[in-house]
Amino acid sequence: MKWLLVLVAAIAGGLLPTQAGINAQLAKNLGHPLLAASVSFGIGAIALILYTIVFHISLPPLGQIKQIPWYLWVGGILGTIYLTTTIVLAPLLGATTMIGLIVAGQMLASIALDSFGLVGFPVHPLSFWRAIGAILLIVGVGLIQRF
């Protein structure tokens, strides 16, 4: 079963450079990266709304929604920053360098989140081998950028 999760994660990862390229072309055609990001998020929002309707997913009670901490609502803002950044960087850096740098940033942030158990992640302390893995990833990105 774990292999299926790995496969799904790999497929999802493969969608990111494709999305960046498509959105960069959309920005070129629309004339601005923020327009492309808005269209992309708008279409994504429509798809999610349809999904929730088709699968009869209902909202929790208003009282429960009011108890959610404010900082848990910023995920969409983070997604907007990510999406707009990839739209701008994809044609400038190319897919490989851009995604390599994004993965390196994700790995460094993930190590910090895991090490301190931030935003709901269980604590996984930084170990020697995790640090080596992150360093190798960054070296790999450097090699990709250089060659």
Protein backbone atom coordinates (compact mmCIF):
# COMPACT_ATOMS: atom_id res chain seq x y z
CA MET A 1 0.00 0.00 0.00
CA LYS A 2 2.87 2.40 0.76
CA TRP A 3 4.10 2.03 -2.84
CA LEU A 4 0.75 3.44 -3.97
CA LEU A 5 1.25 6.53 -1.80
CA VAL A 6 4.76 6.93 -3.22
CA LEU A 7 3.39 6.63 -6.75
CA VAL A 8 0.63 9.20 -6.11
CA ALA A 9 3.18 11.61 -4.57
CA ALA A 10 5.50 11.18 -7.56
CA ILE A 11 2.66 11.80 -10.00
CA ALA A 12 1.59 14.90 -8.05
CA GLY A 13 5.19 16.10 -8.12
CA GLY A 14 5.28 15.65 -11.87
CA LEU A 15 2.27 17.92 -12.19
CA LEU A 16 4.11 20.90 -10.68
CA PRO A 17 6.50 21.68 -13.56
CA THR A 18 3.68 21.02 -16.02
CA GLN A 19 1.45 23.46 -14.15
CA ALA A 20 4.24 26.05 -14.06
CA GLY A 21 4.79 25.80 -17.80
CA ILE A 22 1.09 25.98 -18.60
CA ASN A 23 0.58 28.95 -16.28
CA ALA A 24 3.66 30.75 -17.66
CA GLN A 25 2.21 30.39 -21.17
CA LEU A 26 -1.15 31.61 -19.86
CA ALA A 27 0.59 34.66 -18.37
CA LYS A 28 2.27 35.35 -21.71
CA ASN A 29 -1.11 35.17 -23.46
CA LEU A 30 -2.96 37.21 -20.83
CA GLY A 31 -0.17 39.75 -20.44
CA HIS A 32 0.52 39.44 -16.70
CA PRO A 33 1.49 36.70 -14.23
CA LEU A 34 -1.09 37.81 -11.66
CA LEU A 35 -3.86 37.44 -14.21
CA ALA A 36 -2.68 33.92 -14.96
CA ALA A 37 -2.50 33.10 -11.24
CA SER A 38 -6.00 34.49 -10.74
CA VAL A 39 -7.39 32.43 -13.60
CA SER A 40 -5.58 29.32 -12.37
CA PHE A 41 -6.87 29.73 -8.81
CA GLY A 42 -10.35 30.61 -10.07
CA ILE A 43 -10.60 27.48 -12.18
CA GLY A 44 -9.13 25.45 -9.33
CA ALA A 45 -11.70 26.90 -6.92
CA ILE A 46 -14.54 26.03 -9.29
CA ALA A 47 -13.19 22.47 -9.59
CA LEU A 48 -13.00 22.13 -5.80
CA ILE A 49 -16.51 23.49 -5.32
CA LEU A 50 -17.83 21.01 -7.88
CA TYR A 51 -15.92 18.21 -6.16
CA THR A 52 -17.45 19.06 -2.78
CA ILE A 53 -20.93 19.17 -4.33
CA VAL A 54 -20.55 15.87 -6.20
CA PHE A 55 -19.22 14.07 -3.11
CA HIS A 56 -21.72 15.75 -0.73
CA ILE A 57 -19.05 17.24 1.53
CA SER A 58 -20.69 19.65 3.96
CA LEU A 59 -19.21 22.49 5.99
CA PRO A 60 -18.73 22.01 9.73
CA PRO A 61 -20.95 24.04 12.07
CA LEU A 62 -20.23 27.78 12.23
CA GLY A 63 -19.16 27.49 15.87
CA GLN A 64 -16.44 25.03 14.89
CA ILE A 65 -15.28 27.27 12.03
CA LYS A 66 -15.02 30.26 14.39
CA GLN A 67 -12.66 28.29 16.66
CA ILE A 68 -10.09 27.70 13.93
CA PRO A 69 -6.93 29.78 14.63
CA TRP A 70 -6.41 32.68 12.21
CA TYR A 71 -3.07 31.41 10.91
CA LEU A 72 -4.67 28.24 9.56
CA TRP A 73 -6.45 30.35 6.93
CA VAL A 74 -3.25 31.53 5.19
CA GLY A 75 -2.69 28.39 3.11
CA GLY A 76 -4.37 29.98 0.11
CA ILE A 77 -2.07 33.00 0.38
CA LEU A 78 0.98 30.72 0.48
CA GLY A 79 -0.37 28.87 -2.54
CA THR A 80 -0.84 32.17 -4.37
CA ILE A 81 2.75 33.19 -3.65
CA TYR A 82 4.02 29.80 -4.83
CA LEU A 83 1.91 29.80 -7.98
CA THR A 84 2.76 33.36 -8.99
CA THR A 85 6.45 32.75 -8.32
CA THR A 86 6.50 29.69 -10.57
CA ILE A 87 4.70 31.59 -13.31
CA VAL A 88 7.39 34.28 -13.26
CA LEU A 89 10.39 31.97 -12.78
CA ALA A 90 9.50 29.10 -15.16
CA PRO A 91 10.42 30.92 -18.39
CA LEU A 92 13.46 32.56 -16.77
CA LEU A 93 15.04 29.52 -15.11
CA GLY A 94 13.58 26.57 -17.01
CA ALA A 95 11.65 23.72 -15.46
CA THR A 96 14.59 21.73 -14.10
CA THR A 97 16.36 24.56 -12.29
CA MET A 98 13.12 26.08 -11.02
CA ILE A 99 11.78 22.81 -9.63
CA GLY A 100 15.21 21.88 -8.25
CA LEU A 101 15.36 25.14 -6.32
CA ILE A 102 11.77 24.72 -5.16
CA VAL A 103 12.47 21.18 -3.96
CA ALA A 104 15.60 22.39 -2.15
CA GLY A 105 13.56 25.13 -0.46
CA GLN A 106 10.84 22.62 0.39
CA MET A 107 13.39 20.25 1.88
CA LEU A 108 15.01 22.93 4.05
CA ALA A 109 11.63 24.19 5.25
CA SER A 110 10.49 20.61 5.85
CA ILE A 111 13.54 19.87 7.97
CA ALA A 112 12.80 22.95 10.10
CA LEU A 113 9.10 22.07 10.39
CA ASP A 114 9.90 18.47 11.34
CA SER A 115 12.73 19.37 13.72
CA PHE A 116 10.52 21.69 15.77
CA GLY A 117 7.16 19.99 15.19
CA LEU A 118 5.70 23.15 13.67
CA VAL A 119 2.23 23.52 12.09
CA GLY A 120 1.07 20.15 13.32
CA PHE A 121 3.93 17.96 12.10
CA PRO A 122 5.28 15.33 14.50
CA VAL A 123 8.81 16.04 15.74
CA HIS A 124 11.54 14.36 13.71
CA PRO A 125 14.84 15.79 15.00
CA LEU A 126 17.53 16.79 12.53
CA SER A 127 19.95 13.90 12.25
CA PHE A 128 23.33 13.64 10.60
CA TRP A 129 21.87 11.69 7.66
CA ARG A 130 18.99 14.11 7.17
CA ALA A 131 21.48 16.97 7.07
CA ILE A 132 23.66 15.09 4.57
CA GLY A 133 20.61 14.40 2.42
CA ALA A 134 19.66 18.09 2.39
CA ILE A 135 23.23 19.10 1.54
CA LEU A 136 23.34 16.58 -1.31
CA LEU A 137 20.04 17.91 -2.61
CA ILE A 138 21.38 21.46 -2.63
CA VAL A 139 24.58 20.30 -4.34
CA GLY A 140 22.41 18.50 -6.91
CA VAL A 141 20.48 21.69 -7.60
CA GLY A 142 23.79 23.52 -8.04
CA LEU A 143 24.92 20.91 -10.57
CA ILE A 144 21.62 21.16 -12.44
CA GLN A 145 21.91 24.95 -12.56
CA ARG A 146 25.55 24.89 -13.69
CA PHE A 147 25.27 22.19 -16.35
